[in-house]
Protein backbone atom coordinates (compact mmCIF):
# COMPACT_ATOMS: atom_id res chain seq x y z
CA MET A 1 -2.99 -14.40 36.25
CA GLY A 2 -3.08 -16.16 33.32
CA ALA A 3 -1.48 -15.58 29.73
CA GLN A 4 -4.82 -14.59 28.23
CA GLU A 5 -5.51 -12.10 31.16
CA LEU A 6 -2.21 -10.56 30.58
CA ILE A 7 -2.49 -9.65 26.82
CA LYS A 8 -4.39 -7.14 25.35
CA ILE A 9 -5.34 -6.07 21.78
CA LYS A 10 -5.83 -2.41 21.14
CA GLY A 11 -7.22 -2.31 17.69
CA GLN A 12 -7.53 0.28 15.20
CA LYS A 13 -10.68 2.17 17.12
CA ASP A 14 -8.07 2.53 20.15
CA GLN A 15 -4.46 3.13 19.08
CA PHE A 16 -3.99 1.47 15.48
CA GLY A 17 -3.82 -1.66 16.37
CA LYS A 18 -1.29 -0.58 19.75
CA ILE A 19 -0.31 -4.27 21.31
CA GLU A 20 -0.40 -3.21 25.36
CA ILE A 21 0.50 -6.61 27.81
CA ILE A 22 -0.91 -5.64 31.00
CA GLY A 23 2.06 -5.90 33.51
CA TYR A 24 4.78 -6.96 30.77
CA SER A 25 7.97 -4.79 32.97
CA GLN A 26 6.32 -6.43 35.88
CA PHE A 27 5.89 -9.94 35.08
CA LEU A 28 9.56 -10.17 33.68
CA LYS A 29 11.33 -8.43 36.94
CA ALA A 30 9.74 -11.03 38.42
CA ILE A 31 10.51 -13.84 36.05
CA LYS A 32 14.75 -12.60 35.97
CA GLN A 33 14.67 -12.96 39.84
CA ALA A 34 13.64 -16.20 39.65
CA GLU A 35 15.54 -17.81 36.73
CA ALA A 36 19.34 -19.28 37.08
CA ASP A 37 20.31 -19.53 33.45
CA GLY A 38 19.65 -15.98 31.74
CA TYR A 39 17.47 -17.97 28.61
CA THR A 40 13.99 -16.05 29.81
CA ALA A 41 15.59 -12.43 27.33
CA GLU A 42 15.94 -15.22 24.40
CA ILE A 43 12.50 -16.10 24.69
CA VAL A 44 11.14 -12.71 25.00
CA LEU A 45 13.36 -11.15 22.16
CA ARG A 46 12.27 -14.45 20.00
CA ALA A 47 8.66 -14.10 20.41
CA ASN A 48 9.00 -10.14 19.67
CA VAL A 49 10.71 -11.11 16.25
CA ARG A 50 7.61 -13.51 15.48
CA VAL A 51 5.46 -11.12 15.73
CA ALA A 52 7.33 -8.24 14.06
CA GLU A 53 7.91 -10.47 11.35
CA GLY A 54 4.06 -11.75 11.32
CA ILE A 55 3.13 -7.84 10.85
CA ILE A 56 5.37 -7.44 7.87
CA LYS A 57 4.43 -10.38 6.03
CA ARG A 58 0.36 -9.72 6.50
CA ALA A 59 0.86 -5.84 5.64
CA ARG A 60 2.76 -6.68 2.90
CA GLN A 61 -0.24 -9.03 1.54
CA PHE A 62 -2.24 -5.82 2.32
CA ALA A 63 -0.89 -3.40 0.13
CA SER A 64 -2.60 -3.84 -3.34
CA THR A 65 -1.76 -0.30 -5.21
CA LYS A 66 2.35 -0.01 -6.32
CA MET A 67 2.35 2.84 -4.71
CA GLU A 68 1.31 1.00 -1.41
CA LYS A 69 3.80 -2.19 -2.32
CA ALA A 70 6.70 -0.35 -2.69
CA ALA A 71 6.22 1.47 0.58
CA ALA A 72 5.05 -2.39 2.59
CA ALA A 73 8.78 -3.67 1.24
CA THR A 74 10.49 -0.64 3.59
CA LEU A 75 8.79 -2.11 6.64
CA ARG A 76 11.48 -3.32 9.03
CA HIS A 77 11.45 -4.06 12.35
CA GLU A 78 13.46 -3.31 15.98
CA ALA A 79 13.32 -5.95 18.42
CA THR A 80 14.50 -6.18 22.13
CA LYS A 81 13.72 -8.15 25.27
CA LEU A 82 11.60 -4.60 25.97
CA ARG A 83 9.61 -3.51 22.73
CA VAL A 84 9.32 -4.26 19.14
CA ALA A 85 9.04 -1.51 16.67
CA VAL A 86 7.83 -1.41 13.35
CA SER A 87 8.82 0.89 10.84
CA GLY A 88 9.13 2.07 7.26
CA GLY A 89 9.86 4.55 4.85
CA GLY A 90 13.37 6.28 4.08
CA LYS A 91 14.78 8.98 1.62
CA GLN A 92 13.86 5.93 -1.06
CA VAL A 93 10.35 6.08 -0.05
CA PRO A 94 8.95 9.49 1.19
CA TYR A 95 5.70 9.30 0.71
CA PHE A 96 5.30 5.93 3.34
CA GLY A 97 3.02 8.12 4.87
CA GLY A 98 0.41 9.06 2.45
CA ALA A 99 0.78 5.19 0.87
CA ASN A 100 -0.23 3.73 4.91
CA PHE A 101 -2.46 6.46 6.00
CA GLY A 102 -4.15 8.22 2.65
CA ALA A 103 -4.95 11.74 2.23
CA HIS A 104 -7.18 15.07 2.00
CA ARG A 105 -7.35 14.55 -1.45
CA ASP A 106 -8.65 17.75 -3.85
CA THR A 107 -6.94 20.12 -1.85
CA LYS A 108 -6.26 23.23 -2.96
CA ARG A 109 -2.53 24.65 -2.94
CA ILE A 110 -0.67 27.58 -3.72
CA ILE A 111 2.75 26.60 -6.02
CA LYS A 112 5.62 29.22 -4.96
CA ALA A 113 8.23 30.52 -7.54
CA SER A 114 12.02 29.36 -7.42
CA ASN A 115 13.85 30.71 -5.11
CA VAL A 116 17.34 32.33 -6.36
CA ARG A 117 18.99 28.93 -5.37
CA GLY A 118 16.38 27.37 -8.07
CA ARG A 119 14.24 25.66 -5.08
CA ARG A 120 10.80 26.15 -4.57
CA SER A 121 9.00 26.35 -1.23
CA ARG A 122 6.54 23.96 -0.19
CA ALA A 123 3.50 24.53 -1.42
CA THR A 124 0.40 26.69 0.66
CA THR A 125 -2.74 24.78 1.58
CA VAL A 126 -5.84 27.08 0.64
CA ARG A 127 -8.27 26.12 3.24
CA HIS A 128 -11.84 25.34 2.69
CA GLY A 129 -13.83 29.04 2.35
CA GLU A 130 -10.83 31.31 1.63
CA ASP A 131 -10.21 32.85 -1.81
CA VAL A 132 -6.80 31.98 -4.15
CA ASP A 133 -6.07 35.47 -4.69
CA VAL A 134 -6.83 36.54 -0.67
CA VAL A 135 -3.66 33.53 -0.08
CA ALA A 136 -1.60 34.86 -2.91
CA ARG A 137 -1.19 38.05 -1.66
CA ARG A 138 -0.41 36.51 1.35
CA ILE A 139 2.63 34.75 0.48
CA GLU A 140 3.70 37.66 -1.42
CA SER A 141 3.96 39.58 1.22
CA GLN A 142 6.25 37.51 3.36
CA THR A 143 10.21 37.04 2.46
CA VAL A 144 12.04 34.37 3.36
CA GLU A 145 15.98 34.22 5.04
CA SER A 146 19.16 32.55 3.75
CA THR A 147 18.31 29.52 5.89
CA GLY A 148 15.15 29.02 3.82
CA LYS A 149 12.83 29.91 6.88
CA THR A 150 9.84 32.19 5.63
CA VAL A 151 9.22 35.06 7.46
CA THR A 152 6.15 37.89 7.50
CA ARG A 153 8.45 41.40 8.08
CA GLY A 154 12.21 41.24 7.37
CA ALA A 155 15.32 41.57 5.19
CA GLY A 156 15.40 38.89 2.88
CA GLN A 157 14.38 37.28 -0.17
CA LYS A 158 10.73 38.41 -1.39
CA VAL A 159 8.61 34.97 -1.55
CA GLU A 160 6.34 35.10 -5.16
CA VAL A 161 3.95 32.64 -6.43
CA ALA A 162 4.15 30.76 -10.16
CA ARG A 163 2.04 32.18 -12.30
CA THR A 164 0.70 30.34 -15.33
CA ALA A 165 0.95 31.66 -18.79
CA SER A 166 -2.30 33.72 -18.91
CA GLY A 167 -0.70 35.11 -15.32
CA GLY A 168 -3.20 33.41 -12.72
CA VAL A 169 -1.61 31.82 -9.42
CA ARG A 170 -0.54 28.46 -10.31
CA VAL A 171 -2.64 26.48 -8.31
CA ILE A 172 -2.60 22.13 -8.15
CA LYS A 173 -4.81 19.92 -6.69
CA GLY A 174 -3.68 17.47 -3.87
CA TRP A 175 -2.96 14.93 -2.68
CA ASN A 176 -4.94 12.74 -5.25
CA GLN A 177 -1.98 10.14 -5.96
CA PHE A 178 -2.72 8.49 -2.67
CA LYS A 179 -5.94 6.87 -1.85
CA GLN A 180 -8.51 9.10 0.62
CA MET A 181 -8.24 8.91 4.33
CA ARG A 182 -10.31 7.35 6.18
CA LYS A 183 -10.60 8.25 9.79
CA GLY A 184 -9.24 5.53 12.56
CA SER A 185 -7.59 3.22 9.98
CA ASP A 186 -5.27 2.73 7.66
CA PHE A 187 -4.61 0.84 4.70
CA PHE A 188 -1.85 -2.06 5.38
CA LEU A 189 0.03 -1.42 8.42
CA TYR A 190 -1.77 -1.00 11.48
CA ARG A 191 -4.65 -3.15 9.91
CA ALA A 192 -2.55 -6.05 9.94
CA VAL A 193 -2.00 -5.74 13.54
CA THR A 194 -5.77 -5.31 14.14
CA SER A 195 -6.01 -8.62 11.79
CA ASP A 196 -3.47 -10.81 12.94
CA GLU A 197 -4.32 -10.56 17.15
CA GLU A 198 -5.41 -14.07 17.27
CA ARG A 199 -1.57 -15.13 16.34
CA ILE A 200 -0.34 -12.42 18.04
CA THR A 201 -2.07 -12.78 21.42
CA ALA A 202 -0.71 -16.99 21.48
CA ILE A 203 2.55 -16.13 20.52
CA TYR A 204 2.74 -14.01 23.90
CA GLN A 205 1.25 -16.96 25.51
CA ASN A 206 3.51 -19.23 24.42
CA MET A 207 6.07 -16.92 25.45
CA LEU A 208 4.97 -16.84 29.04
CA ASP A 209 3.83 -20.23 29.02
CA GLU A 210 7.71 -21.37 28.21
CA ILE A 211 9.43 -18.74 30.54
CA THR A 212 6.96 -19.89 33.48
CA GLY A 213 8.32 -23.57 32.68
CA GLN A 214 11.70 -22.84 32.90
CA ALA A 215 11.31 -20.35 36.01
CA PHE A 216 9.38 -22.63 37.90
CA PRO A 217 10.00 -26.83 36.01
CA ASP A 218 8.24 -28.18 38.90
CA GLY A 219 4.74 -25.78 38.38
CA ALA A 220 5.64 -23.72 41.87
């Protein structure tokens, strides 16, 4: 089986740019049995690092807005001979998911009043067709435990919604800081994997050819 037959790229329509090498583990096992100098692991690791670095570079090129560029700047990779993973985000960029995947915009959310510690619980989403006042009453029928967990019944602090100066329920529309979510696609990370299919395939093809040459120098 040739390298081209071993490598299969799964694009956005399948699993957001997942890269799958058919029979990869079995191939490594066979080569490990054949090699004498332990050079295989270095070749595979080098290929995985090259793939990851290329994806990160391409993803940063695709990032277009200030938020996307900040999120893409946090991209990093972890590579071993068995796998390579590219991830991003962190405390400085907690919005990585929204920047990369977008979000449902113009979604009504009810803001809750601060608790005794001066902190607000997560806003409650008002689903399509729901009445804001009905949802607000449901929120205010709840209590919150000392751990911050909201419960419908039990001892604890009563949950209250935030109010406007006129006494109305405070509602915001979100998550409008992000682009509109698009089903089956993203804005820079997995898009980079899909667009870089030929380069990724070539890297792994060269890797397999090099390993085969090391293990079977006489073409056996």
